[in-house]
Amino acid sequence: MAHRLRIATAVYTIVTALGLAVAEQSSAEEVGVFGLFRVTDPAAYSTALDTFASSTAALGCVTRREGSLSSTQGPLALPSVNRFLLLNCKASLLAVPAGGTALKRLAQQVHDLVLLEGDTRWSGDDSPVAERAYLIKLSRFNNRMPGDRDAALASLGREAATLPH
């Protein structure tokens, strides 16, 4: 069984309906690491996640959110994923050998791991997250294209308004 680890370090924007923003690369205090992947063995994943959290905590990272994905849509060519993970780190996780090692260990227990790393602004709270639902928007837009970004967010807002609460 082949496991692939794909890492993207580029300008990106991630916006969720719950006030979390990972913004384009600038001078923020923390680095955000956002991962999408597919889990087929929940027990092995749970063990791997615990190991990953311990390894990354030693590198100054905190797991802010982790959970399941019920669906994806849009023009980005993402693999078939069913889980996500969001970390905040004091420095780049991808730039240190121990970070790469932790990610490789996680990649051995998941499939199609896709990672984004960049500056982050954490505006969420740290209260228990059980039973929460997240709307995660990945886009190519940035502050140089505010009209396109605003149109995409308005469209997303109209779609979200039709979902049961």
N, C-alpha and C. Protein backbone atom coordinates (compact mmCIF):
# COMPACT_ATOMS: atom_id res chain seq x y z
N MET A 1 0.84 -1.17 0.00
CA MET A 1 0.00 0.00 0.00
C MET A 1 0.89 1.24 0.00
N ALA A 2 0.80 2.04 -1.02
CA ALA A 2 1.64 3.23 -1.14
C ALA A 2 0.99 4.41 -0.42
N HIS A 3 1.77 5.11 0.34
CA HIS A 3 1.33 6.32 1.01
C HIS A 3 2.07 7.48 0.39
N ARG A 4 1.35 8.51 0.04
CA ARG A 4 1.97 9.67 -0.56
C ARG A 4 1.86 10.84 0.40
N LEU A 5 2.91 11.62 0.48
CA LEU A 5 2.94 12.82 1.30
C LEU A 5 3.16 13.99 0.36
N ARG A 6 2.14 14.83 0.20
CA ARG A 6 2.26 16.00 -0.65
C ARG A 6 2.24 17.22 0.25
N ILE A 7 3.19 18.11 0.06
CA ILE A 7 3.31 19.28 0.91
C ILE A 7 3.29 20.52 0.02
N ALA A 8 2.44 21.45 0.36
CA ALA A 8 2.39 22.71 -0.37
C ALA A 8 2.74 23.83 0.58
N THR A 9 3.71 24.64 0.24
CA THR A 9 4.04 25.83 1.02
C THR A 9 3.91 27.00 0.06
N ALA A 10 2.73 27.56 -0.01
CA ALA A 10 2.44 28.63 -0.94
C ALA A 10 1.47 29.59 -0.28
N VAL A 11 1.21 30.68 -0.97
CA VAL A 11 0.23 31.63 -0.48
C VAL A 11 -1.14 30.99 -0.60
N TYR A 12 -1.92 31.02 0.47
CA TYR A 12 -3.24 30.41 0.46
C TYR A 12 -4.13 31.09 1.48
N THR A 13 -5.38 30.84 1.36
CA THR A 13 -6.35 31.34 2.32
C THR A 13 -7.28 30.21 2.71
N ILE A 14 -7.51 30.08 3.98
CA ILE A 14 -8.48 29.12 4.50
C ILE A 14 -9.42 29.91 5.40
N VAL A 15 -10.70 29.83 5.14
CA VAL A 15 -11.67 30.53 5.95
C VAL A 15 -12.74 29.54 6.37
N THR A 16 -13.11 29.55 7.63
CA THR A 16 -14.22 28.70 8.07
C THR A 16 -15.33 29.58 8.60
N ALA A 17 -16.47 29.01 8.72
CA ALA A 17 -17.63 29.73 9.22
C ALA A 17 -17.51 30.03 10.72
N LEU A 18 -16.51 29.50 11.38
CA LEU A 18 -16.38 29.69 12.82
C LEU A 18 -15.30 30.68 13.21
N GLY A 19 -14.85 31.50 12.28
CA GLY A 19 -13.95 32.58 12.63
C GLY A 19 -12.48 32.24 12.60
N LEU A 20 -12.11 31.19 11.95
CA LEU A 20 -10.71 30.82 11.84
C LEU A 20 -10.20 31.28 10.49
N ALA A 21 -9.04 31.90 10.49
CA ALA A 21 -8.47 32.32 9.20
C ALA A 21 -7.00 31.96 9.17
N VAL A 22 -6.58 31.31 8.13
CA VAL A 22 -5.17 31.11 7.87
C VAL A 22 -4.90 31.96 6.65
N ALA A 23 -4.09 32.98 6.82
CA ALA A 23 -3.98 34.01 5.79
C ALA A 23 -2.73 33.84 4.95
N GLU A 24 -2.67 34.64 3.88
CA GLU A 24 -1.51 34.56 3.01
C GLU A 24 -0.25 34.88 3.79
N GLN A 25 0.87 34.37 3.31
CA GLN A 25 2.14 34.47 4.00
C GLN A 25 2.48 35.93 4.31
N SER A 26 2.71 36.24 5.56
CA SER A 26 3.12 37.57 6.00
C SER A 26 3.91 37.40 7.29
N SER A 27 3.82 38.34 8.20
CA SER A 27 4.62 38.23 9.41
C SER A 27 3.71 38.00 10.62
N ALA A 28 3.19 36.83 10.77
CA ALA A 28 2.34 36.48 11.91
C ALA A 28 3.19 35.83 12.98
N GLU A 29 2.61 35.70 14.16
CA GLU A 29 3.35 35.12 15.27
C GLU A 29 3.42 33.61 15.19
N GLU A 30 2.41 32.97 14.63
CA GLU A 30 2.39 31.51 14.58
C GLU A 30 2.27 31.03 13.14
N VAL A 31 2.62 29.76 12.96
CA VAL A 31 2.49 29.11 11.66
C VAL A 31 1.35 28.11 11.76
N GLY A 32 0.47 28.13 10.79
CA GLY A 32 -0.64 27.18 10.75
C GLY A 32 -0.30 26.04 9.81
N VAL A 33 -0.66 24.83 10.20
CA VAL A 33 -0.52 23.65 9.35
C VAL A 33 -1.90 23.04 9.23
N PHE A 34 -2.42 22.98 8.00
CA PHE A 34 -3.73 22.43 7.74
C PHE A 34 -3.56 21.19 6.90
N GLY A 35 -4.15 20.08 7.33
CA GLY A 35 -4.03 18.82 6.61
C GLY A 35 -5.37 18.23 6.25
N LEU A 36 -5.43 17.66 5.07
CA LEU A 36 -6.58 16.89 4.60
C LEU A 36 -6.08 15.49 4.27
N PHE A 37 -6.87 14.45 4.59
CA PHE A 37 -6.43 13.08 4.34
C PHE A 37 -7.60 12.13 4.46
N ARG A 38 -7.36 10.88 4.11
CA ARG A 38 -8.38 9.83 4.19
C ARG A 38 -7.93 8.79 5.21
N VAL A 39 -8.85 8.42 6.08
CA VAL A 39 -8.61 7.39 7.10
C VAL A 39 -9.46 6.18 6.76
N THR A 40 -8.83 5.01 6.74
CA THR A 40 -9.57 3.77 6.51
C THR A 40 -9.55 2.85 7.74
N ASP A 41 -8.62 3.09 8.66
CA ASP A 41 -8.53 2.29 9.88
C ASP A 41 -8.58 3.24 11.08
N PRO A 42 -9.78 3.51 11.62
CA PRO A 42 -9.91 4.49 12.70
C PRO A 42 -9.06 4.18 13.93
N ALA A 43 -8.91 2.92 14.30
CA ALA A 43 -8.11 2.57 15.48
C ALA A 43 -6.64 2.92 15.27
N ALA A 44 -6.09 2.54 14.12
CA ALA A 44 -4.69 2.87 13.83
C ALA A 44 -4.51 4.38 13.74
N TYR A 45 -5.49 5.07 13.17
CA TYR A 45 -5.40 6.53 13.05
C TYR A 45 -5.41 7.18 14.43
N SER A 46 -6.26 6.71 15.33
CA SER A 46 -6.34 7.28 16.67
C SER A 46 -4.99 7.19 17.39
N THR A 47 -4.34 6.05 17.28
CA THR A 47 -3.02 5.86 17.87
C THR A 47 -2.00 6.77 17.21
N ALA A 48 -2.05 6.84 15.87
CA ALA A 48 -1.11 7.69 15.13
C ALA A 48 -1.33 9.16 15.46
N LEU A 49 -2.58 9.58 15.65
CA LEU A 49 -2.87 10.96 15.99
C LEU A 49 -2.31 11.32 17.37
N ASP A 50 -2.45 10.41 18.33
CA ASP A 50 -1.88 10.65 19.66
C ASP A 50 -0.36 10.81 19.58
N THR A 51 0.29 9.94 18.83
CA THR A 51 1.74 10.02 18.66
C THR A 51 2.12 11.32 17.96
N PHE A 52 1.38 11.67 16.92
CA PHE A 52 1.64 12.90 16.18
C PHE A 52 1.48 14.12 17.08
N ALA A 53 0.42 14.16 17.87
CA ALA A 53 0.18 15.29 18.77
C ALA A 53 1.32 15.44 19.78
N SER A 54 1.81 14.33 20.33
CA SER A 54 2.93 14.38 21.28
C SER A 54 4.20 14.86 20.60
N SER A 55 4.48 14.34 19.41
CA SER A 55 5.69 14.72 18.67
C SER A 55 5.67 16.18 18.29
N THR A 56 4.53 16.66 17.82
CA THR A 56 4.46 18.06 17.39
C THR A 56 4.39 19.02 18.58
N ALA A 57 3.82 18.57 19.70
CA ALA A 57 3.81 19.41 20.91
C ALA A 57 5.22 19.71 21.36
N ALA A 58 6.10 18.72 21.23
CA ALA A 58 7.51 18.92 21.60
C ALA A 58 8.18 19.94 20.68
N LEU A 59 7.58 20.20 19.52
CA LEU A 59 8.12 21.18 18.57
C LEU A 59 7.39 22.52 18.67
N GLY A 60 6.54 22.67 19.67
CA GLY A 60 5.84 23.94 19.86
C GLY A 60 4.53 24.05 19.12
N CYS A 61 3.90 22.92 18.80
CA CYS A 61 2.64 22.93 18.06
C CYS A 61 1.47 22.53 18.96
N VAL A 62 0.31 23.09 18.67
CA VAL A 62 -0.93 22.76 19.37
C VAL A 62 -1.94 22.34 18.32
N THR A 63 -2.60 21.20 18.55
CA THR A 63 -3.68 20.78 17.66
C THR A 63 -4.91 21.60 18.01
N ARG A 64 -5.33 22.48 17.09
CA ARG A 64 -6.48 23.35 17.33
C ARG A 64 -7.79 22.67 16.97
N ARG A 65 -7.80 21.96 15.87
CA ARG A 65 -9.01 21.28 15.44
C ARG A 65 -8.64 20.01 14.69
N GLU A 66 -9.48 18.98 14.80
CA GLU A 66 -9.32 17.72 14.08
C GLU A 66 -10.70 17.14 13.97
N GLY A 67 -11.02 16.60 12.80
CA GLY A 67 -12.35 16.02 12.69
C GLY A 67 -12.62 15.39 11.35
N SER A 68 -13.87 14.99 11.17
CA SER A 68 -14.27 14.32 9.93
C SER A 68 -14.83 15.32 8.94
N LEU A 69 -14.75 14.96 7.67
CA LEU A 69 -15.33 15.74 6.58
C LEU A 69 -16.47 14.94 5.98
N SER A 70 -17.60 15.57 5.79
CA SER A 70 -18.73 14.84 5.21
C SER A 70 -18.78 14.99 3.70
N SER A 71 -18.25 16.08 3.16
CA SER A 71 -18.24 16.25 1.71
C SER A 71 -17.28 17.35 1.32
N THR A 72 -16.91 17.35 0.05
CA THR A 72 -16.09 18.42 -0.52
C THR A 72 -16.66 18.75 -1.89
N GLN A 73 -16.42 19.98 -2.32
CA GLN A 73 -16.85 20.39 -3.66
C GLN A 73 -15.97 21.53 -4.11
N GLY A 74 -15.99 21.81 -5.38
CA GLY A 74 -15.26 22.96 -5.90
C GLY A 74 -14.22 22.57 -6.93
N PRO A 75 -13.51 23.59 -7.45
CA PRO A 75 -12.59 23.37 -8.56
C PRO A 75 -11.20 22.85 -8.16
N LEU A 76 -10.87 22.82 -6.87
CA LEU A 76 -9.56 22.32 -6.47
C LEU A 76 -9.53 20.81 -6.60
N ALA A 77 -8.48 20.29 -7.20
CA ALA A 77 -8.35 18.84 -7.42
C ALA A 77 -7.83 18.17 -6.15
N LEU A 78 -8.72 17.90 -5.22
CA LEU A 78 -8.36 17.24 -3.97
C LEU A 78 -8.63 15.75 -4.08
N PRO A 79 -7.82 14.94 -3.41
CA PRO A 79 -8.13 13.50 -3.39
C PRO A 79 -9.38 13.27 -2.55
N SER A 80 -9.86 12.07 -2.54
CA SER A 80 -11.03 11.71 -1.74
C SER A 80 -10.61 11.66 -0.27
N VAL A 81 -10.93 12.70 0.49
CA VAL A 81 -10.51 12.82 1.89
C VAL A 81 -11.73 12.74 2.80
N ASN A 82 -11.49 12.33 4.06
CA ASN A 82 -12.59 12.27 5.01
C ASN A 82 -12.23 12.81 6.39
N ARG A 83 -11.03 13.37 6.55
CA ARG A 83 -10.60 13.95 7.83
C ARG A 83 -9.81 15.22 7.57
N PHE A 84 -9.74 16.09 8.60
CA PHE A 84 -8.90 17.28 8.54
C PHE A 84 -8.20 17.46 9.88
N LEU A 85 -7.16 18.27 9.86
CA LEU A 85 -6.35 18.54 11.05
C LEU A 85 -5.83 19.96 10.93
N LEU A 86 -5.88 20.72 12.01
CA LEU A 86 -5.33 22.07 12.02
C LEU A 86 -4.42 22.23 13.23
N LEU A 87 -3.19 22.63 12.98
CA LEU A 87 -2.21 22.88 14.04
C LEU A 87 -1.81 24.34 14.01
N ASN A 88 -1.45 24.88 15.17
CA ASN A 88 -0.76 26.14 15.27
C ASN A 88 0.61 25.83 15.87
N CYS A 89 1.67 26.32 15.21
CA CYS A 89 3.04 26.03 15.65
C CYS A 89 3.79 27.34 15.87
N LYS A 90 4.78 27.29 16.75
CA LYS A 90 5.60 28.48 17.00
C LYS A 90 6.53 28.78 15.84
N ALA A 91 6.81 27.79 15.02
CA ALA A 91 7.68 27.95 13.85
C ALA A 91 7.27 26.90 12.82
N SER A 92 7.86 26.98 11.65
CA SER A 92 7.52 26.05 10.58
C SER A 92 7.76 24.60 11.00
N LEU A 93 6.73 23.78 10.84
CA LEU A 93 6.84 22.35 11.12
C LEU A 93 7.60 21.66 9.99
N LEU A 94 7.42 22.16 8.78
CA LEU A 94 8.02 21.53 7.61
C LEU A 94 9.51 21.85 7.47
N ALA A 95 9.98 22.85 8.19
CA ALA A 95 11.37 23.29 8.04
C ALA A 95 12.35 22.55 8.95
N VAL A 96 11.84 21.74 9.88
CA VAL A 96 12.73 21.05 10.80
C VAL A 96 12.62 19.54 10.58
N PRO A 97 13.73 18.82 10.67
CA PRO A 97 13.70 17.37 10.43
C PRO A 97 12.71 16.63 11.33
N ALA A 98 12.60 17.01 12.59
CA ALA A 98 11.67 16.32 13.48
C ALA A 98 10.22 16.52 13.04
N GLY A 99 9.91 17.66 12.45
CA GLY A 99 8.57 17.90 11.92
C GLY A 99 8.28 16.99 10.75
N GLY A 100 9.25 16.86 9.85
CA GLY A 100 9.10 15.95 8.72
C GLY A 100 8.93 14.51 9.17
N THR A 101 9.67 14.13 10.19
CA THR A 101 9.56 12.77 10.72
C THR A 101 8.16 12.52 11.28
N ALA A 102 7.64 13.48 12.05
CA ALA A 102 6.30 13.35 12.62
C ALA A 102 5.26 13.23 11.51
N LEU A 103 5.41 14.03 10.47
CA LEU A 103 4.46 13.98 9.35
C LEU A 103 4.56 12.67 8.58
N LYS A 104 5.76 12.16 8.41
CA LYS A 104 5.92 10.88 7.71
C LYS A 104 5.28 9.75 8.50
N ARG A 105 5.42 9.78 9.82
CA ARG A 105 4.77 8.75 10.64
C ARG A 105 3.25 8.81 10.51
N LEU A 106 2.70 10.03 10.52
CA LEU A 106 1.26 10.18 10.35
C LEU A 106 0.85 9.68 8.96
N ALA A 107 1.63 10.01 7.95
CA ALA A 107 1.32 9.61 6.57
C ALA A 107 1.30 8.10 6.40
N GLN A 108 1.97 7.37 7.27
CA GLN A 108 1.96 5.91 7.18
C GLN A 108 0.62 5.32 7.61
N GLN A 109 -0.19 6.10 8.34
CA GLN A 109 -1.48 5.59 8.83
C GLN A 109 -2.68 6.23 8.14
N VAL A 110 -2.43 7.19 7.23
CA VAL A 110 -3.51 7.83 6.49
C VAL A 110 -3.18 7.75 5.00
N HIS A 111 -4.14 8.15 4.19
CA HIS A 111 -3.95 8.10 2.74
C HIS A 111 -4.13 9.50 2.16
N ASP A 112 -3.41 9.78 1.09
CA ASP A 112 -3.57 11.02 0.33
C ASP A 112 -3.44 12.27 1.20
N LEU A 113 -2.43 12.31 2.06
CA LEU A 113 -2.21 13.45 2.94
C LEU A 113 -1.81 14.68 2.12
N VAL A 114 -2.58 15.75 2.27
CA VAL A 114 -2.29 17.03 1.63
C VAL A 114 -2.11 18.05 2.75
N LEU A 115 -1.00 18.80 2.73
CA LEU A 115 -0.71 19.77 3.79
C LEU A 115 -0.52 21.16 3.21
N LEU A 116 -0.99 22.15 3.96
CA LEU A 116 -0.73 23.55 3.67
C LEU A 116 -0.11 24.15 4.91
N GLU A 117 0.91 24.95 4.73
CA GLU A 117 1.53 25.61 5.88
C GLU A 117 1.69 27.09 5.56
N GLY A 118 1.38 27.93 6.52
CA GLY A 118 1.52 29.37 6.32
C GLY A 118 1.22 30.12 7.60
N ASP A 119 1.40 31.43 7.54
CA ASP A 119 1.12 32.26 8.71
C ASP A 119 -0.35 32.15 9.08
N THR A 120 -0.62 32.31 10.36
CA THR A 120 -1.99 32.10 10.83
C THR A 120 -2.41 33.17 11.83
N ARG A 121 -3.69 33.38 11.87
CA ARG A 121 -4.32 34.20 12.92
C ARG A 121 -5.37 33.31 13.56
N TRP A 122 -5.18 32.94 14.80
CA TRP A 122 -6.15 32.08 15.48
C TRP A 122 -7.15 32.97 16.19
N SER A 123 -8.41 32.92 15.75
CA SER A 123 -9.44 33.73 16.39
C SER A 123 -10.53 32.86 17.00
N GLY A 124 -10.32 31.55 16.98
CA GLY A 124 -11.28 30.65 17.60
C GLY A 124 -11.01 30.54 19.09
N ASP A 125 -11.89 29.86 19.79
CA ASP A 125 -11.63 29.63 21.20
C ASP A 125 -11.13 28.20 21.39
N ASP A 126 -10.74 27.89 22.58
CA ASP A 126 -10.20 26.56 22.87
C ASP A 126 -11.18 25.72 23.68
N SER A 127 -12.47 26.02 23.59
CA SER A 127 -13.46 25.23 24.31
C SER A 127 -13.60 23.86 23.66
N PRO A 128 -14.22 22.89 24.37
CA PRO A 128 -14.38 21.55 23.78
C PRO A 128 -15.07 21.63 22.42
N VAL A 129 -14.63 20.77 21.52
CA VAL A 129 -15.09 20.85 20.14
C VAL A 129 -16.00 19.71 19.72
N ALA A 130 -16.41 18.86 20.64
CA ALA A 130 -17.30 17.75 20.29
C ALA A 130 -18.61 18.30 19.73
N GLU A 131 -19.15 17.60 18.76
CA GLU A 131 -20.43 17.95 18.15
C GLU A 131 -20.41 19.22 17.32
N ARG A 132 -19.25 19.79 17.07
CA ARG A 132 -19.18 20.96 16.20
C ARG A 132 -19.12 20.53 14.76
N ALA A 133 -19.59 21.40 13.89
CA ALA A 133 -19.48 21.19 12.45
C ALA A 133 -18.69 22.36 11.89
N TYR A 134 -17.88 22.11 10.88
CA TYR A 134 -17.04 23.14 10.30
C TYR A 134 -17.29 23.25 8.81
N LEU A 135 -17.26 24.47 8.33
CA LEU A 135 -17.30 24.74 6.91
C LEU A 135 -15.93 25.30 6.58
N ILE A 136 -15.16 24.56 5.81
CA ILE A 136 -13.78 24.94 5.51
C ILE A 136 -13.71 25.33 4.05
N LYS A 137 -13.25 26.54 3.78
CA LYS A 137 -13.16 27.02 2.40
C LYS A 137 -11.69 27.19 2.04
N LEU A 138 -11.25 26.48 1.04
CA LEU A 138 -9.92 26.64 0.49
C LEU A 138 -10.05 27.39 -0.82
N SER A 139 -9.25 28.40 -1.02
CA SER A 139 -9.35 29.15 -2.27
C SER A 139 -7.99 29.65 -2.71
N ARG A 140 -7.94 30.10 -3.94
CA ARG A 140 -6.72 30.70 -4.47
C ARG A 140 -6.73 32.22 -4.30
N PHE A 141 -7.76 32.78 -3.71
CA PHE A 141 -7.91 34.21 -3.60
C PHE A 141 -7.06 34.77 -2.47
N ASN A 142 -6.70 36.03 -2.60
CA ASN A 142 -5.95 36.72 -1.56
C ASN A 142 -6.41 38.17 -1.54
N ASN A 143 -5.72 39.01 -0.80
CA ASN A 143 -6.14 40.40 -0.66
C ASN A 143 -5.88 41.22 -1.91
N ARG A 144 -5.20 40.67 -2.90
CA ARG A 144 -5.01 41.38 -4.17
C ARG A 144 -6.20 41.19 -5.10
N MET A 145 -7.12 40.28 -4.75
CA MET A 145 -8.31 40.02 -5.57
C MET A 145 -9.56 40.05 -4.68
N PRO A 146 -9.80 41.17 -3.99
CA PRO A 146 -10.91 41.19 -3.03
C PRO A 146 -12.28 40.99 -3.67
N GLY A 147 -12.50 41.48 -4.88
CA GLY A 147 -13.79 41.31 -5.54
C GLY A 147 -14.10 39.85 -5.80
N ASP A 148 -13.12 39.12 -6.35
CA ASP A 148 -13.31 37.69 -6.61
C ASP A 148 -13.51 36.92 -5.31
N ARG A 149 -12.71 37.26 -4.31
CA ARG A 149 -12.83 36.59 -3.01
C ARG A 149 -14.20 36.85 -2.40
N ASP A 150 -14.66 38.10 -2.42
CA ASP A 150 -15.95 38.43 -1.83
C ASP A 150 -17.10 37.75 -2.56
N ALA A 151 -17.00 37.65 -3.89
CA ALA A 151 -18.04 36.96 -4.66
C ALA A 151 -18.09 35.47 -4.29
N ALA A 152 -16.92 34.85 -4.15
CA ALA A 152 -16.88 33.43 -3.78
C ALA A 152 -17.44 33.23 -2.37
N LEU A 153 -17.11 34.12 -1.44
CA LEU A 153 -17.63 34.00 -0.07
C LEU A 153 -19.14 34.23 -0.03
N ALA A 154 -19.64 35.16 -0.83
CA ALA A 154 -21.09 35.40 -0.88
C ALA A 154 -21.80 34.17 -1.41
N SER A 155 -21.25 33.54 -2.44
CA SER A 155 -21.84 32.31 -2.99
C SER A 155 -21.84 31.20 -1.94
N LEU A 156 -20.74 31.06 -1.23
CA LEU A 156 -20.64 30.07 -0.18
C LEU A 156 -21.66 30.35 0.92
N GLY A 157 -21.82 31.62 1.28
CA GLY A 157 -22.80 32.00 2.30
C GLY A 157 -24.22 31.64 1.90
N ARG A 158 -24.56 31.84 0.61
CA ARG A 158 -25.90 31.48 0.14
C ARG A 158 -26.10 29.97 0.25
N GLU A 159 -25.08 29.20 -0.12
CA GLU A 159 -25.19 27.72 -0.02
C GLU A 159 -25.32 27.30 1.44
N ALA A 160 -24.52 27.89 2.32
CA ALA A 160 -24.54 27.51 3.75
C ALA A 160 -25.88 27.84 4.37
N ALA A 161 -26.53 28.91 3.91
CA ALA A 161 -27.82 29.31 4.48
C ALA A 161 -28.90 28.26 4.22
N THR A 162 -28.72 27.44 3.20
CA THR A 162 -29.72 26.42 2.88
C THR A 162 -29.55 25.13 3.69
N LEU A 163 -28.43 25.00 4.40
CA LEU A 163 -28.16 23.78 5.16
C LEU A 163 -28.89 23.80 6.48
N PRO A 164 -29.33 22.63 6.98
CA PRO A 164 -30.00 22.58 8.28
C PRO A 164 -29.01 22.94 9.39
N HIS A 165 -29.49 23.62 10.40
CA HIS A 165 -28.63 24.04 11.51
C HIS A 165 -28.77 23.08 12.64
